[in-house]
Amino acid sequence: MLNKHFILFLLFSTMLFVASAQQKSVDTVRYDYSFSFNNGLYTSFYSFRNNAPIPFDRIVSPAYDNDFITSILHCETISYYDENGILNEIPQKLIWGYASNGKPNILWDNKFCLIPYIGTISHFMTTETVTRYINNSGTMMYDPMYIPSSTQSYTSEELVHYFINMNTGDIIPYNSNTLTELIKNDTELHYEYTNLSKRKRKKSVMEYVQKYNKRHPIYFNK
């Protein structure tokens, strides 16, 4: 016969689960491309995940005008009124990004970058200055930690891809090795992906990101 305390615990747990499910259906929505993010400035990854930016009309300094985004990159602090009408100030270095016209952008390497693909594993692109060295045999090398004796080198602006782990906020290089780690909690998909040839894994990164996100949808506050 079941212990009375266990029955009460089971009943209480069930009530919590139902309440949580009801709350989820009321306050959050499963993300799809029709979702529009609230416009404003994100003070952290969690303000983005909660769809709770500082609305632009509450920002006092820098002024919200045509140069606002550029001004954010060069200011030290941002002043704004909170929901209680109290003036607050935060360091610029805490800014995570912003949303405009319902589209989110992340601040990365002192540049704002659109996040065009959103899911539990999200993806964005930016340009970075890359230095490449030419060794004595004329072969190009790229290694940020490598300091050659030769002065033959050149720099260029190159397109670089990143993942955003939406469970943690971590920004991760976009490649097959990091994807393998990101999907390891899905045993079936992880097994399928890791059993591809190395070449096929490299070519199938975005395909498996999409598969994973379909199996693990992401929710945002309305």
C-alpha atoms as a PDB file:
ATOM      1  CA  MET A   1       0.000   0.000   0.000  1.00  0.00           C
ATOM      2  CA  LEU A   2       1.308   3.429  -0.925  1.00  0.00           C
ATOM      3  CA  ASN A   3       2.559   5.609   1.877  1.00  0.00           C
ATOM      4  CA  LYS A   4       0.220   8.559   2.587  1.00  0.00           C
ATOM      5  CA  HIS A   5       3.086  11.053   2.428  1.00  0.00           C
ATOM      6  CA  PHE A   6       4.131   9.682  -0.940  1.00  0.00           C
ATOM      7  CA  ILE A   7       0.583  10.074  -2.292  1.00  0.00           C
ATOM      8  CA  LEU A   8       0.477  13.690  -1.093  1.00  0.00           C
ATOM      9  CA  PHE A   9       3.884  14.337  -2.674  1.00  0.00           C
ATOM     10  CA  LEU A  10       2.708  12.807  -5.973  1.00  0.00           C
ATOM     11  CA  LEU A  11      -0.476  14.898  -5.941  1.00  0.00           C
ATOM     12  CA  PHE A  12       1.466  18.087  -5.187  1.00  0.00           C
ATOM     13  CA  SER A  13       3.994  17.353  -7.937  1.00  0.00           C
ATOM     14  CA  THR A  14       1.184  16.775 -10.450  1.00  0.00           C
ATOM     15  CA  MET A  15      -0.440  20.081  -9.501  1.00  0.00           C
ATOM     16  CA  LEU A  16       2.880  21.883  -9.979  1.00  0.00           C
ATOM     17  CA  PHE A  17       3.372  20.255 -13.377  1.00  0.00           C
ATOM     18  CA  VAL A  18      -0.117  21.259 -14.559  1.00  0.00           C
ATOM     19  CA  ALA A  19       0.336  24.787 -13.266  1.00  0.00           C
ATOM     20  CA  SER A  20       3.687  25.034 -15.008  1.00  0.00           C
ATOM     21  CA  ALA A  21       2.236  23.779 -18.288  1.00  0.00           C
ATOM     22  CA  GLN A  22      -0.632  26.263 -18.070  1.00  0.00           C
ATOM     23  CA  GLN A  23       1.793  29.079 -17.311  1.00  0.00           C
ATOM     24  CA  LYS A  24       3.931  28.080 -20.288  1.00  0.00           C
ATOM     25  CA  SER A  25       0.954  28.134 -22.651  1.00  0.00           C
ATOM     26  CA  VAL A  26      -0.137  31.561 -21.394  1.00  0.00           C
ATOM     27  CA  ASP A  27       3.204  33.381 -21.170  1.00  0.00           C
ATOM     28  CA  THR A  28       5.400  31.785 -23.810  1.00  0.00           C
ATOM     29  CA  VAL A  29       5.145  30.813 -27.436  1.00  0.00           C
ATOM     30  CA  ARG A  30       7.089  28.347 -29.524  1.00  0.00           C
ATOM     31  CA  TYR A  31       9.452  30.259 -31.790  1.00  0.00           C
ATOM     32  CA  ASP A  32       8.931  30.347 -35.542  1.00  0.00           C
ATOM     33  CA  TYR A  33       9.820  32.868 -38.225  1.00  0.00           C
ATOM     34  CA  SER A  34       6.618  34.836 -37.644  1.00  0.00           C
ATOM     35  CA  PHE A  35       7.704  35.680 -34.080  1.00  0.00           C
ATOM     36  CA  SER A  36       8.461  39.380 -33.511  1.00  0.00           C
ATOM     37  CA  PHE A  37      10.819  40.334 -30.682  1.00  0.00           C
ATOM     38  CA  ASN A  38      10.047  43.337 -28.516  1.00  0.00           C
ATOM     39  CA  ASN A  39      12.113  46.290 -29.682  1.00  0.00           C
ATOM     40  CA  GLY A  40      14.714  47.692 -27.322  1.00  0.00           C
ATOM     41  CA  LEU A  41      18.140  47.237 -25.780  1.00  0.00           C
ATOM     42  CA  TYR A  42      19.198  43.925 -24.199  1.00  0.00           C
ATOM     43  CA  THR A  43      21.185  44.331 -20.995  1.00  0.00           C
ATOM     44  CA  SER A  44      22.108  40.638 -20.842  1.00  0.00           C
ATOM     45  CA  PHE A  45      21.598  37.303 -22.553  1.00  0.00           C
ATOM     46  CA  TYR A  46      18.680  36.661 -20.202  1.00  0.00           C
ATOM     47  CA  SER A  47      16.953  39.901 -21.146  1.00  0.00           C
ATOM     48  CA  PHE A  48      17.091  38.586 -24.720  1.00  0.00           C
ATOM     49  CA  ARG A  49      15.870  35.100 -23.748  1.00  0.00           C
ATOM     50  CA  ASN A  50      13.018  36.634 -21.752  1.00  0.00           C
ATOM     51  CA  ASN A  51      12.154  38.987 -24.631  1.00  0.00           C
ATOM     52  CA  ALA A  52      12.455  41.833 -22.128  1.00  0.00           C
ATOM     53  CA  PRO A  53      14.679  44.614 -23.509  1.00  0.00           C
ATOM     54  CA  ILE A  54      14.754  48.205 -22.278  1.00  0.00           C
ATOM     55  CA  PRO A  55      12.268  49.912 -24.620  1.00  0.00           C
ATOM     56  CA  PHE A  56      13.937  52.555 -26.749  1.00  0.00           C
ATOM     57  CA  ASP A  57      11.551  55.261 -25.547  1.00  0.00           C
ATOM     58  CA  ARG A  58      12.815  54.804 -21.971  1.00  0.00           C
ATOM     59  CA  ILE A  59      16.435  55.452 -22.897  1.00  0.00           C
ATOM     60  CA  VAL A  60      17.668  58.913 -21.954  1.00  0.00           C
ATOM     61  CA  SER A  61      21.303  58.757 -23.020  1.00  0.00           C
ATOM     62  CA  PRO A  62      22.552  58.281 -25.640  1.00  0.00           C
ATOM     63  CA  ALA A  63      19.658  59.891 -27.460  1.00  0.00           C
ATOM     64  CA  TYR A  64      17.521  57.529 -29.510  1.00  0.00           C
ATOM     65  CA  ASP A  65      17.981  58.959 -32.996  1.00  0.00           C
ATOM     66  CA  ASN A  66      19.414  57.907 -36.351  1.00  0.00           C
ATOM     67  CA  ASP A  67      22.891  57.565 -34.808  1.00  0.00           C
ATOM     68  CA  PHE A  68      21.740  55.628 -31.739  1.00  0.00           C
ATOM     69  CA  ILE A  69      23.358  52.279 -32.612  1.00  0.00           C
ATOM     70  CA  THR A  70      26.692  53.925 -33.447  1.00  0.00           C
ATOM     71  CA  SER A  71      26.474  55.977 -30.241  1.00  0.00           C
ATOM     72  CA  ILE A  72      25.955  52.824 -28.159  1.00  0.00           C
ATOM     73  CA  LEU A  73      29.248  51.425 -29.458  1.00  0.00           C
ATOM     74  CA  HIS A  74      31.169  54.503 -28.324  1.00  0.00           C
ATOM     75  CA  CYS A  75      29.508  55.498 -25.040  1.00  0.00           C
ATOM     76  CA  GLU A  76      30.597  54.354 -21.574  1.00  0.00           C
ATOM     77  CA  THR A  77      27.177  54.220 -19.907  1.00  0.00           C
ATOM     78  CA  ILE A  78      23.506  54.077 -20.847  1.00  0.00           C
ATOM     79  CA  SER A  79      20.887  55.989 -18.846  1.00  0.00           C
ATOM     80  CA  TYR A  80      17.266  54.863 -18.888  1.00  0.00           C
ATOM     81  CA  TYR A  81      14.047  54.900 -16.878  1.00  0.00           C
ATOM     82  CA  ASP A  82      12.892  51.560 -15.507  1.00  0.00           C
ATOM     83  CA  GLU A  83       9.257  50.423 -15.353  1.00  0.00           C
ATOM     84  CA  ASN A  84       8.830  52.343 -12.073  1.00  0.00           C
ATOM     85  CA  GLY A  85      10.046  55.613 -13.565  1.00  0.00           C
ATOM     86  CA  ILE A  86      13.384  55.493 -11.705  1.00  0.00           C
ATOM     87  CA  LEU A  87      16.450  56.686 -13.604  1.00  0.00           C
ATOM     88  CA  ASN A  88      19.116  53.978 -13.895  1.00  0.00           C
ATOM     89  CA  GLU A  89      22.566  53.808 -15.421  1.00  0.00           C
ATOM     90  CA  ILE A  90      24.412  50.739 -16.689  1.00  0.00           C
ATOM     91  CA  PRO A  91      27.886  50.307 -18.224  1.00  0.00           C
ATOM     92  CA  GLN A  92      27.953  49.899 -21.985  1.00  0.00           C
ATOM     93  CA  LYS A  93      29.988  46.700 -21.568  1.00  0.00           C
ATOM     94  CA  LEU A  94      26.891  44.961 -20.140  1.00  0.00           C
ATOM     95  CA  ILE A  95      24.898  45.455 -23.337  1.00  0.00           C
ATOM     96  CA  TRP A  96      24.181  42.128 -25.045  1.00  0.00           C
ATOM     97  CA  GLY A  97      22.376  43.433 -28.118  1.00  0.00           C
ATOM     98  CA  TYR A  98      19.173  45.039 -29.303  1.00  0.00           C
ATOM     99  CA  ALA A  99      16.021  44.327 -31.301  1.00  0.00           C
ATOM    100  CA  SER A 100      14.640  46.575 -34.023  1.00  0.00           C
ATOM    101  CA  ASN A 101      11.660  45.872 -36.278  1.00  0.00           C
ATOM    102  CA  GLY A 102      11.221  42.646 -34.298  1.00  0.00           C
ATOM    103  CA  LYS A 103      14.673  41.320 -35.288  1.00  0.00           C
ATOM    104  CA  PRO A 104      17.419  40.650 -32.678  1.00  0.00           C
ATOM    105  CA  ASN A 105      21.059  41.690 -33.007  1.00  0.00           C
ATOM    106  CA  ILE A 106      23.973  40.646 -30.822  1.00  0.00           C
ATOM    107  CA  LEU A 107      26.899  42.857 -29.795  1.00  0.00           C
ATOM    108  CA  TRP A 108      30.019  40.872 -30.634  1.00  0.00           C
ATOM    109  CA  ASP A 109      33.582  42.118 -31.063  1.00  0.00           C
ATOM    110  CA  ASN A 110      32.310  45.709 -30.789  1.00  0.00           C
ATOM    111  CA  LYS A 111      29.922  45.201 -33.700  1.00  0.00           C
ATOM    112  CA  PHE A 112      26.181  44.609 -33.800  1.00  0.00           C
ATOM    113  CA  CYS A 113      25.357  41.477 -35.802  1.00  0.00           C
ATOM    114  CA  LEU A 114      21.923  40.330 -36.908  1.00  0.00           C
ATOM    115  CA  ILE A 115      20.928  36.873 -35.617  1.00  0.00           C
ATOM    116  CA  PRO A 116      19.258  35.537 -38.771  1.00  0.00           C
ATOM    117  CA  TYR A 117      18.741  31.954 -37.599  1.00  0.00           C
ATOM    118  CA  ILE A 118      17.175  31.344 -34.197  1.00  0.00           C
ATOM    119  CA  GLY A 119      16.641  28.038 -32.433  1.00  0.00           C
ATOM    120  CA  THR A 120      17.943  26.189 -29.401  1.00  0.00           C
ATOM    121  CA  ILE A 121      21.170  26.346 -31.396  1.00  0.00           C
ATOM    122  CA  SER A 122      21.246  29.781 -33.032  1.00  0.00           C
ATOM    123  CA  HIS A 123      23.625  31.086 -35.653  1.00  0.00           C
ATOM    124  CA  PHE A 124      25.057  34.459 -36.636  1.00  0.00           C
ATOM    125  CA  MET A 125      27.882  35.808 -38.795  1.00  0.00           C
ATOM    126  CA  THR A 126      30.371  38.636 -38.435  1.00  0.00           C
ATOM    127  CA  THR A 127      33.554  39.868 -40.067  1.00  0.00           C
ATOM    128  CA  GLU A 128      36.866  39.596 -38.256  1.00  0.00           C
ATOM    129  CA  THR A 129      40.392  40.629 -39.070  1.00  0.00           C
ATOM    130  CA  VAL A 130      42.446  37.506 -39.709  1.00  0.00           C
ATOM    131  CA  THR A 131      46.236  37.442 -39.986  1.00  0.00           C
ATOM    132  CA  ARG A 132      47.802  34.787 -42.183  1.00  0.00           C
ATOM    133  CA  TYR A 133      51.515  34.005 -42.303  1.00  0.00           C
ATOM    134  CA  ILE A 134      53.546  32.618 -45.176  1.00  0.00           C
ATOM    135  CA  ASN A 135      56.333  30.230 -44.133  1.00  0.00           C
ATOM    136  CA  ASN A 136      59.615  29.711 -45.928  1.00  0.00           C
ATOM    137  CA  SER A 137      58.117  27.144 -48.294  1.00  0.00           C
ATOM    138  CA  GLY A 138      55.469  29.623 -49.406  1.00  0.00           C
ATOM    139  CA  THR A 139      52.645  27.788 -47.588  1.00  0.00           C
ATOM    140  CA  MET A 140      50.040  29.965 -45.903  1.00  0.00           C
ATOM    141  CA  MET A 141      49.461  29.381 -42.199  1.00  0.00           C
ATOM    142  CA  TYR A 142      46.758  30.645 -39.875  1.00  0.00           C
ATOM    143  CA  ASP A 143      47.433  30.273 -36.171  1.00  0.00           C
ATOM    144  CA  PRO A 144      46.712  33.182 -33.767  1.00  0.00           C
ATOM    145  CA  MET A 145      49.370  31.834 -31.357  1.00  0.00           C
ATOM    146  CA  TYR A 146      52.036  31.341 -34.024  1.00  0.00           C
ATOM    147  CA  ILE A 147      54.756  34.024 -34.222  1.00  0.00           C
ATOM    148  CA  PRO A 148      57.008  33.282 -37.204  1.00  0.00           C
ATOM    149  CA  SER A 149      60.578  34.419 -37.643  1.00  0.00           C
ATOM    150  CA  SER A 150      59.631  35.656 -41.105  1.00  0.00           C
ATOM    151  CA  THR A 151      57.738  38.941 -41.427  1.00  0.00           C
ATOM    152  CA  GLN A 152      55.758  37.733 -44.431  1.00  0.00           C
ATOM    153  CA  SER A 153      52.124  38.032 -43.493  1.00  0.00           C
ATOM    154  CA  TYR A 154      48.914  39.701 -44.529  1.00  0.00           C
ATOM    155  CA  THR A 155      45.617  40.541 -42.883  1.00  0.00           C
ATOM    156  CA  SER A 156      42.129  40.466 -44.322  1.00  0.00           C
ATOM    157  CA  GLU A 157      38.530  40.879 -43.233  1.00  0.00           C
ATOM    158  CA  GLU A 158      36.852  37.487 -43.369  1.00  0.00           C
ATOM    159  CA  LEU A 159      33.348  36.227 -42.695  1.00  0.00           C
ATOM    160  CA  VAL A 160      33.212  34.157 -39.489  1.00  0.00           C
ATOM    161  CA  HIS A 161      30.290  32.042 -38.262  1.00  0.00           C
ATOM    162  CA  TYR A 162      29.258  31.408 -34.648  1.00  0.00           C
ATOM    163  CA  PHE A 163      26.721  29.343 -32.744  1.00  0.00           C
ATOM    164  CA  ILE A 164      24.775  30.671 -29.753  1.00  0.00           C
ATOM    165  CA  ASN A 165      23.825  28.008 -27.226  1.00  0.00           C
ATOM    166  CA  MET A 166      20.411  29.278 -26.170  1.00  0.00           C
ATOM    167  CA  ASN A 167      20.449  27.189 -22.999  1.00  0.00           C
ATOM    168  CA  THR A 168      23.591  28.878 -21.648  1.00  0.00           C
ATOM    169  CA  GLY A 169      24.259  31.991 -23.746  1.00  0.00           C
ATOM    170  CA  ASP A 170      27.682  30.665 -24.784  1.00  0.00           C
ATOM    171  CA  ILE A 171      29.075  31.894 -28.116  1.00  0.00           C
ATOM    172  CA  ILE A 172      30.803  28.970 -29.834  1.00  0.00           C
ATOM    173  CA  PRO A 173      32.753  28.608 -33.105  1.00  0.00           C
ATOM    174  CA  TYR A 174      30.653  27.195 -35.928  1.00  0.00           C
ATOM    175  CA  ASN A 175      32.097  23.830 -36.932  1.00  0.00           C
ATOM    176  CA  SER A 176      31.379  20.109 -36.845  1.00  0.00           C
ATOM    177  CA  ASN A 177      33.316  19.508 -33.616  1.00  0.00           C
ATOM    178  CA  THR A 178      31.378  22.086 -31.603  1.00  0.00           C
ATOM    179  CA  LEU A 179      28.095  20.888 -33.090  1.00  0.00           C
ATOM    180  CA  THR A 180      28.921  17.363 -31.930  1.00  0.00           C
ATOM    181  CA  GLU A 181      29.128  18.704 -28.364  1.00  0.00           C
ATOM    182  CA  LEU A 182      25.972  20.820 -28.685  1.00  0.00           C
ATOM    183  CA  ILE A 183      23.780  17.895 -29.760  1.00  0.00           C
ATOM    184  CA  LYS A 184      25.196  15.205 -27.471  1.00  0.00           C
ATOM    185  CA  ASN A 185      22.117  15.298 -25.208  1.00  0.00           C
ATOM    186  CA  ASP A 186      20.095  13.913 -28.141  1.00  0.00           C
ATOM    187  CA  THR A 187      21.495  10.375 -28.213  1.00  0.00           C
ATOM    188  CA  GLU A 188      19.833   9.335 -31.452  1.00  0.00           C
ATOM    189  CA  LEU A 189      20.799  12.433 -33.439  1.00  0.00           C
ATOM    190  CA  HIS A 190      24.295  12.509 -31.943  1.00  0.00           C
ATOM    191  CA  TYR A 191      24.860   8.887 -32.976  1.00  0.00           C
ATOM    192  CA  GLU A 192      23.588   9.584 -36.491  1.00  0.00           C
ATOM    193  CA  TYR A 193      25.820  12.641 -36.911  1.00  0.00           C
ATOM    194  CA  THR A 194      29.013  11.184 -35.442  1.00  0.00           C
ATOM    195  CA  ASN A 195      28.718   8.134 -37.696  1.00  0.00           C
ATOM    196  CA  LEU A 196      28.968  10.279 -40.814  1.00  0.00           C
ATOM    197  CA  SER A 197      32.343  10.610 -42.489  1.00  0.00           C
ATOM    198  CA  LYS A 198      34.425  13.609 -41.427  1.00  0.00           C
ATOM    199  CA  ARG A 199      33.834  15.272 -44.782  1.00  0.00           C
ATOM    200  CA  LYS A 200      30.087  14.663 -44.616  1.00  0.00           C
ATOM    201  CA  ARG A 201      29.923  16.065 -41.058  1.00  0.00           C
ATOM    202  CA  LYS A 202      31.543  19.299 -42.237  1.00  0.00           C
ATOM    203  CA  LYS A 203      29.089  19.630 -45.116  1.00  0.00           C
ATOM    204  CA  SER A 204      26.069  18.777 -42.966  1.00  0.00           C
ATOM    205  CA  VAL A 205      26.526  21.183 -40.041  1.00  0.00           C
ATOM    206  CA  MET A 206      23.510  23.391 -40.794  1.00  0.00           C
ATOM    207  CA  GLU A 207      21.384  20.410 -41.766  1.00  0.00           C
ATOM    208  CA  TYR A 208      21.900  18.864 -38.320  1.00  0.00           C
ATOM    209  CA  VAL A 209      21.430  22.185 -36.540  1.00  0.00           C
ATOM    210  CA  GLN A 210      18.013  22.349 -38.174  1.00  0.00           C
ATOM    211  CA  LYS A 211      17.252  18.734 -37.274  1.00  0.00           C
ATOM    212  CA  TYR A 212      18.219  19.350 -33.654  1.00  0.00           C
ATOM    213  CA  ASN A 213      16.180  22.551 -33.391  1.00  0.00           C
ATOM    214  CA  LYS A 214      13.122  20.835 -34.836  1.00  0.00           C
ATOM    215  CA  ARG A 215      13.408  18.123 -32.180  1.00  0.00           C
ATOM    216  CA  HIS A 216      14.190  20.657 -29.417  1.00  0.00           C
ATOM    217  CA  PRO A 217      12.054  23.752 -30.044  1.00  0.00           C
ATOM    218  CA  ILE A 218      12.724  27.028 -28.277  1.00  0.00           C
ATOM    219  CA  TYR A 219      10.146  29.199 -26.484  1.00  0.00           C
ATOM    220  CA  PHE A 220      10.109  32.958 -25.873  1.00  0.00           C
ATOM    221  CA  ASN A 221       7.962  35.199 -23.727  1.00  0.00           C
ATOM    222  CA  LYS A 222       5.199  36.910 -25.649  1.00  0.00           C
END
